[in-house]
PDB file of N, CA and C in Angstrom:
ATOM      1  N   UNK A   1     171.312 114.032  83.569  1.00  0.00           N
ATOM      2  CA  UNK A   1     171.066 112.538  82.875  1.00  0.00           C
ATOM      3  C   UNK A   1     170.075 111.862  83.743  1.00  0.00           C
ATOM      4  N   UNK A   2     169.325 111.191  82.852  1.00  0.00           N
ATOM      5  CA  UNK A   2     168.032 110.338  83.054  1.00  0.00           C
ATOM      6  C   UNK A   2     168.722 108.787  83.255  1.00  0.00           C
ATOM      7  N   UNK A   3     168.493 108.378  84.263  1.00  0.00           N
ATOM      8  CA  UNK A   3     168.951 106.982  84.792  1.00  0.00           C
ATOM      9  C   UNK A   3     167.675 105.761  84.091  1.00  0.00           C
ATOM     10  N   UNK A   4     168.398 104.873  83.639  1.00  0.00           N
ATOM     11  CA  UNK A   4     166.906 103.936  82.732  1.00  0.00           C
ATOM     12  C   UNK A   4     167.001 102.953  83.941  1.00  0.00           C
ATOM     13  N   UNK A   5     165.866 102.391  83.778  1.00  0.00           N
ATOM     14  CA  UNK A   5     165.065 101.116  84.643  1.00  0.00           C
ATOM     15  C   UNK A   5     166.054 100.050  84.604  1.00  0.00           C
ATOM     16  N   UNK A   6     166.111  99.078  85.184  1.00  0.00           N
ATOM     17  CA  UNK A   6     166.850  97.491  85.129  1.00  0.00           C
ATOM     18  C   UNK A   6     166.128  97.333  83.999  1.00  0.00           C
ATOM     19  N   UNK A   7     164.520  97.221  83.967  1.00  0.00           N
ATOM     20  CA  UNK A   7     164.147  96.568  82.766  1.00  0.00           C
ATOM     21  C   UNK A   7     164.766  96.992  81.292  1.00  0.00           C
ATOM     22  N   UNK A   8     165.025  98.543  81.232  1.00  0.00           N
ATOM     23  CA  UNK A   8     165.260  98.782  79.695  1.00  0.00           C
ATOM     24  C   UNK A   8     166.988  98.561  79.869  1.00  0.00           C
ATOM     25  N   UNK A   9     167.457  98.735  80.603  1.00  0.00           N
ATOM     26  CA  UNK A   9     169.211  98.448  81.097  1.00  0.00           C
ATOM     27  C   UNK A   9     169.107  96.585  80.194  1.00  0.00           C
ATOM     28  N   UNK A  10     168.183  96.153  80.988  1.00  0.00           N
ATOM     29  CA  UNK A  10     168.534  94.314  80.190  1.00  0.00           C
ATOM     30  C   UNK A  10     167.958  94.697  78.863  1.00  0.00           C
ATOM     31  N   UNK A  11     167.210  95.115  78.070  1.00  0.00           N
ATOM     32  CA  UNK A  11     166.417  94.949  77.000  1.00  0.00           C
ATOM     33  C   UNK A  11     167.866  95.380  76.506  1.00  0.00           C
ATOM     34  N   UNK A  12     168.411  96.432  76.391  1.00  0.00           N
ATOM     35  CA  UNK A  12     169.663  96.936  75.823  1.00  0.00           C
ATOM     36  C   UNK A  12     170.756  96.083  75.896  1.00  0.00           C
ATOM     37  N   UNK A  13     171.085  95.347  77.440  1.00  0.00           N
ATOM     38  CA  UNK A  13     171.944  94.518  77.013  1.00  0.00           C
ATOM     39  C   UNK A  13     172.080  93.278  76.186  1.00  0.00           C
ATOM     40  N   UNK A  14     170.973  92.792  76.482  1.00  0.00           N
ATOM     41  CA  UNK A  14     170.586  91.509  75.555  1.00  0.00           C
ATOM     42  C   UNK A  14     170.770  92.019  74.009  1.00  0.00           C
ATOM     43  N   UNK A  15     170.945  92.628  73.693  1.00  0.00           N
ATOM     44  CA  UNK A  15     170.906  93.066  72.067  1.00  0.00           C
ATOM     45  C   UNK A  15     172.912  93.346  71.988  1.00  0.00           C
ATOM     46  N   UNK A  16     173.561  92.698  73.268  1.00  0.00           N
ATOM     47  CA  UNK A  16     175.055  92.747  73.284  1.00  0.00           C
ATOM     48  C   UNK A  16     175.503  94.083  72.657  1.00  0.00           C
ATOM     49  N   UNK A  17     175.479  95.258  73.335  1.00  0.00           N
ATOM     50  CA  UNK A  17     176.161  96.354  72.464  1.00  0.00           C
ATOM     51  C   UNK A  17     177.641  96.469  72.819  1.00  0.00           C
ATOM     52  N   UNK A  18     178.347  96.981  72.204  1.00  0.00           N
ATOM     53  CA  UNK A  18     179.527  97.685  72.045  1.00  0.00           C
ATOM     54  C   UNK A  18     179.857  98.675  73.533  1.00  0.00           C
ATOM     55  N   UNK A  19     181.163  97.731  74.330  1.00  0.00           N
ATOM     56  CA  UNK A  19     181.189  98.521  75.872  1.00  0.00           C
ATOM     57  C   UNK A  19     182.607  99.357  75.007  1.00  0.00           C
ATOM     58  N   UNK A  20     182.647 100.382  75.534  1.00  0.00           N
ATOM     59  CA  UNK A  20     183.522 101.312  74.750  1.00  0.00           C
ATOM     60  C   UNK A  20     184.487 101.763  76.353  1.00  0.00           C
ATOM     61  N   UNK A  21     185.644 101.206  76.764  1.00  0.00           N
ATOM     62  CA  UNK A  21     186.990 101.538  77.505  1.00  0.00           C
ATOM     63  C   UNK A  21     187.595 102.925  77.377  1.00  0.00           C
ATOM     64  N   UNK A  22     187.235 103.726  78.540  1.00  0.00           N
ATOM     65  CA  UNK A  22     188.282 104.956  77.792  1.00  0.00           C
ATOM     66  C   UNK A  22     189.141 105.156  78.924  1.00  0.00           C
ATOM     67  N   UNK A  23     190.372 106.207  79.166  1.00  0.00           N
ATOM     68  CA  UNK A  23     191.476 106.021  79.901  1.00  0.00           C
ATOM     69  C   UNK A  23     191.289 106.062  81.266  1.00  0.00           C
ATOM     70  N   UNK A  24     189.932 106.495  81.922  1.00  0.00           N
ATOM     71  CA  UNK A  24     189.601 106.596  83.141  1.00  0.00           C
ATOM     72  C   UNK A  24     189.512 105.385  83.712  1.00  0.00           C
ATOM     73  N   UNK A  25     188.567 104.314  82.845  1.00  0.00           N
ATOM     74  CA  UNK A  25     188.440 103.261  83.679  1.00  0.00           C
ATOM     75  C   UNK A  25     189.837 102.397  83.589  1.00  0.00           C
ATOM     76  N   UNK A  26     190.330 102.376  82.454  1.00  0.00           N
ATOM     77  CA  UNK A  26     192.059 101.713  82.983  1.00  0.00           C
ATOM     78  C   UNK A  26     192.664 102.423  84.148  1.00  0.00           C
ATOM     79  N   UNK A  27     192.485 103.353  84.277  1.00  0.00           N
ATOM     80  CA  UNK A  27     193.648 104.420  85.343  1.00  0.00           C
ATOM     81  C   UNK A  27     192.964 104.029  86.869  1.00  0.00           C
ATOM     82  N   UNK A  28     191.274 103.682  86.239  1.00  0.00           N
ATOM     83  CA  UNK A  28     190.779 103.492  87.421  1.00  0.00           C
ATOM     84  C   UNK A  28     191.067 101.974  88.471  1.00  0.00           C
ATOM     85  N   UNK A  29     191.808 101.109  87.435  1.00  0.00           N
ATOM     86  CA  UNK A  29     192.034  99.609  87.921  1.00  0.00           C
ATOM     87  C   UNK A  29     193.561  99.696  88.871  1.00  0.00           C
ATOM     88  N   UNK A  30     194.341 101.003  88.759  1.00  0.00           N
ATOM     89  CA  UNK A  30     195.343 100.924  89.401  1.00  0.00           C
ATOM     90  C   UNK A  30     195.130 101.877  90.976  1.00  0.00           C
ATOM     91  N   UNK A  31     193.958 102.602  90.725  1.00  0.00           N
ATOM     92  CA  UNK A  31     193.684 103.333  91.906  1.00  0.00           C
ATOM     93  C   UNK A  31     192.614 102.840  93.021  1.00  0.00           C
ATOM     94  N   UNK A  32     191.969 101.559  92.387  1.00  0.00           N
ATOM     95  CA  UNK A  32     191.262 100.739  93.409  1.00  0.00           C
ATOM     96  C   UNK A  32     192.148  99.815  94.160  1.00  0.00           C
ATOM     97  N   UNK A  33     191.368  99.029  95.564  1.00  0.00           N
ATOM     98  CA  UNK A  33     191.970  97.765  95.566  1.00  0.00           C
ATOM     99  C   UNK A  33     192.430  96.527  94.696  1.00  0.00           C
ATOM    100  N   UNK A  34     193.235  95.851  95.096  1.00  0.00           N
ATOM    101  CA  UNK A  34     193.492  94.613  93.925  1.00  0.00           C
ATOM    102  C   UNK A  34     192.172  94.078  94.126  1.00  0.00           C
ATOM    103  N   UNK A  35     191.383  93.923  95.099  1.00  0.00           N
ATOM    104  CA  UNK A  35     190.468  92.896  94.789  1.00  0.00           C
ATOM    105  C   UNK A  35     189.214  93.080  93.934  1.00  0.00           C
ATOM    106  N   UNK A  36     188.917  94.386  94.013  1.00  0.00           N
ATOM    107  CA  UNK A  36     187.942  95.396  92.999  1.00  0.00           C
ATOM    108  C   UNK A  36     188.792  95.467  91.641  1.00  0.00           C
ATOM    109  N   UNK A  37     189.713  95.274  91.357  1.00  0.00           N
ATOM    110  CA  UNK A  37     190.522  95.423  90.111  1.00  0.00           C
ATOM    111  C   UNK A  37     190.198  94.190  89.503  1.00  0.00           C
ATOM    112  N   UNK A  38     190.579  92.976  90.350  1.00  0.00           N
ATOM    113  CA  UNK A  38     190.522  91.718  90.017  1.00  0.00           C
ATOM    114  C   UNK A  38     189.057  91.119  89.251  1.00  0.00           C
ATOM    115  N   UNK A  39     188.291  91.978  90.326  1.00  0.00           N
ATOM    116  CA  UNK A  39     186.982  91.826  90.031  1.00  0.00           C
ATOM    117  C   UNK A  39     186.321  92.245  88.637  1.00  0.00           C
ATOM    118  N   UNK A  40     186.899  93.302  88.235  1.00  0.00           N
ATOM    119  CA  UNK A  40     186.060  94.192  87.187  1.00  0.00           C
ATOM    120  C   UNK A  40     187.474  93.270  85.863  1.00  0.00           C
ATOM    121  N   UNK A  41     188.017  93.201  86.207  1.00  0.00           N
ATOM    122  CA  UNK A  41     188.886  92.320  85.096  1.00  0.00           C
ATOM    123  C   UNK A  41     188.199  91.029  84.833  1.00  0.00           C
ATOM    124  N   UNK A  42     187.736  90.270  85.677  1.00  0.00           N
ATOM    125  CA  UNK A  42     186.826  89.455  85.661  1.00  0.00           C
ATOM    126  C   UNK A  42     185.766  89.960  84.728  1.00  0.00           C
ATOM    127  N   UNK A  43     184.726  90.509  85.304  1.00  0.00           N
ATOM    128  CA  UNK A  43     183.890  90.752  84.250  1.00  0.00           C
ATOM    129  C   UNK A  43     183.983  91.297  82.912  1.00  0.00           C
ATOM    130  N   UNK A  44     185.215  91.684  82.632  1.00  0.00           N
ATOM    131  CA  UNK A  44     185.427  92.371  81.423  1.00  0.00           C
ATOM    132  C   UNK A  44     185.871  91.066  80.640  1.00  0.00           C
ATOM    133  N   UNK A  45     186.322  90.270  81.367  1.00  0.00           N
ATOM    134  CA  UNK A  45     186.383  88.951  80.762  1.00  0.00           C
ATOM    135  C   UNK A  45     185.091  88.172  80.076  1.00  0.00           C
ATOM    136  N   UNK A  46     184.112  88.413  81.120  1.00  0.00           N
ATOM    137  CA  UNK A  46     183.213  87.911  80.500  1.00  0.00           C
ATOM    138  C   UNK A  46     182.116  88.476  79.399  1.00  0.00           C
ATOM    139  N   UNK A  47     182.703  89.752  78.755  1.00  0.00           N
ATOM    140  CA  UNK A  47     182.308  90.545  77.951  1.00  0.00           C
ATOM    141  C   UNK A  47     183.405  90.775  76.956  1.00  0.00           C
ATOM    142  N   UNK A  48     184.259  89.610  76.711  1.00  0.00           N
ATOM    143  CA  UNK A  48     185.454  90.202  75.889  1.00  0.00           C
ATOM    144  C   UNK A  48     185.062  90.872  74.522  1.00  0.00           C
ATOM    145  N   UNK A  49     184.206  90.137  74.059  1.00  0.00           N
ATOM    146  CA  UNK A  49     183.458  90.210  72.598  1.00  0.00           C
ATOM    147  C   UNK A  49     183.175  91.296  72.413  1.00  0.00           C
ATOM    148  N   UNK A  50     182.737  92.126  73.596  1.00  0.00           N
ATOM    149  CA  UNK A  50     181.682  92.973  73.180  1.00  0.00           C
ATOM    150  C   UNK A  50     182.838  94.181  73.650  1.00  0.00           C
ATOM    151  N   UNK A  51     183.698  94.422  74.148  1.00  0.00           N
ATOM    152  CA  UNK A  51     184.875  95.326  74.300  1.00  0.00           C
ATOM    153  C   UNK A  51     185.534  95.676  73.489  1.00  0.00           C
ATOM    154  N   UNK A  52     185.461  97.200  73.380  1.00  0.00           N
ATOM    155  CA  UNK A  52     186.457  98.258  72.489  1.00  0.00           C
ATOM    156  C   UNK A  52     187.602  98.947  73.310  1.00  0.00           C
ATOM    157  N   UNK A  53     188.408  98.938  72.950  1.00  0.00           N
ATOM    158  CA  UNK A  53     189.262 100.205  73.358  1.00  0.00           C
ATOM    159  C   UNK A  53     189.970 100.756  72.334  1.00  0.00           C
ATOM    160  N   UNK A  54     189.732 102.109  72.355  1.00  0.00           N
ATOM    161  CA  UNK A  54     190.137 102.996  70.853  1.00  0.00           C
ATOM    162  C   UNK A  54     191.776 103.321  71.187  1.00  0.00           C
ATOM    163  N   UNK A  55     191.950 103.116  69.884  1.00  0.00           N
ATOM    164  CA  UNK A  55     193.504 103.301  69.799  1.00  0.00           C
ATOM    165  C   UNK A  55     194.110 104.583  70.900  1.00  0.00           C
ATOM    166  N   UNK A  56     192.909 105.789  70.693  1.00  0.00           N
ATOM    167  CA  UNK A  56     193.463 107.096  71.603  1.00  0.00           C
ATOM    168  C   UNK A  56     193.659 106.768  72.990  1.00  0.00           C
ATOM    169  N   UNK A  57     192.983 105.602  73.653  1.00  0.00           N
ATOM    170  CA  UNK A  57     193.464 105.449  75.044  1.00  0.00           C
ATOM    171  C   UNK A  57     194.789 105.064  75.411  1.00  0.00           C
ATOM    172  N   UNK A  58     195.064 104.489  74.445  1.00  0.00           N
ATOM    173  CA  UNK A  58     196.716 103.840  74.893  1.00  0.00           C
ATOM    174  C   UNK A  58     197.847 104.860  74.225  1.00  0.00           C
ATOM    175  N   UNK A  59     197.453 106.165  73.780  1.00  0.00           N
ATOM    176  CA  UNK A  59     198.088 107.170  73.236  1.00  0.00           C
ATOM    177  C   UNK A  59     198.189 108.038  74.344  1.00  0.00           C
ATOM    178  N   UNK A  60     197.257 108.254  75.118  1.00  0.00           N
ATOM    179  CA  UNK A  60     197.185 108.951  76.603  1.00  0.00           C
ATOM    180  C   UNK A  60     197.992 108.871  77.470  1.00  0.00           C
ATOM    181  N   UNK A  61     198.642 110.422  76.958  1.00  0.00           N
ATOM    182  CA  UNK A  61     199.840 110.019  78.642  1.00  0.00           C
ATOM    183  C   UNK A  61     199.642 109.746  79.619  1.00  0.00           C
ATOM    184  N   UNK A  62     198.882 110.083  80.313  1.00  0.00           N
ATOM    185  CA  UNK A  62     198.536 109.649  81.691  1.00  0.00           C
ATOM    186  C   UNK A  62     198.553 108.181  81.926  1.00  0.00           C
ATOM    187  N   UNK A  63     197.933 107.440  80.598  1.00  0.00           N
ATOM    188  CA  UNK A  63     198.075 105.842  80.768  1.00  0.00           C
ATOM    189  C   UNK A  63     199.505 104.959  80.475  1.00  0.00           C
ATOM    190  N   UNK A  64     200.412 105.884  79.517  1.00  0.00           N
ATOM    191  CA  UNK A  64     201.500 105.553  78.904  1.00  0.00           C
ATOM    192  C   UNK A  64     202.493 105.669  80.459  1.00  0.00           C
ATOM    193  N   UNK A  65     202.380 106.131  81.120  1.00  0.00           N
ATOM    194  CA  UNK A  65     202.816 105.926  82.464  1.00  0.00           C
ATOM    195  C   UNK A  65     203.210 105.031  83.191  1.00  0.00           C
ATOM    196  N   UNK A  66     202.061 103.989  83.150  1.00  0.00           N
ATOM    197  CA  UNK A  66     202.167 102.967  84.094  1.00  0.00           C
ATOM    198  C   UNK A  66     202.705 101.837  83.053  1.00  0.00           C
TER     199      UNK A  66
END
């Protein structure tokens, strides 16, 4: 996988891309420290209009355990 430069990332980010969360992102919120999880959630709140949570993620058996 090729990493992109900071300049390329900023160029993409300025176009307000859709950010798709998968099951692992949500499960990791339970695995990480409370401080880390809170910081990530704060960042999600900053881009809330760009977030998309596929319906399938909520149907994943591993996620419904919580």
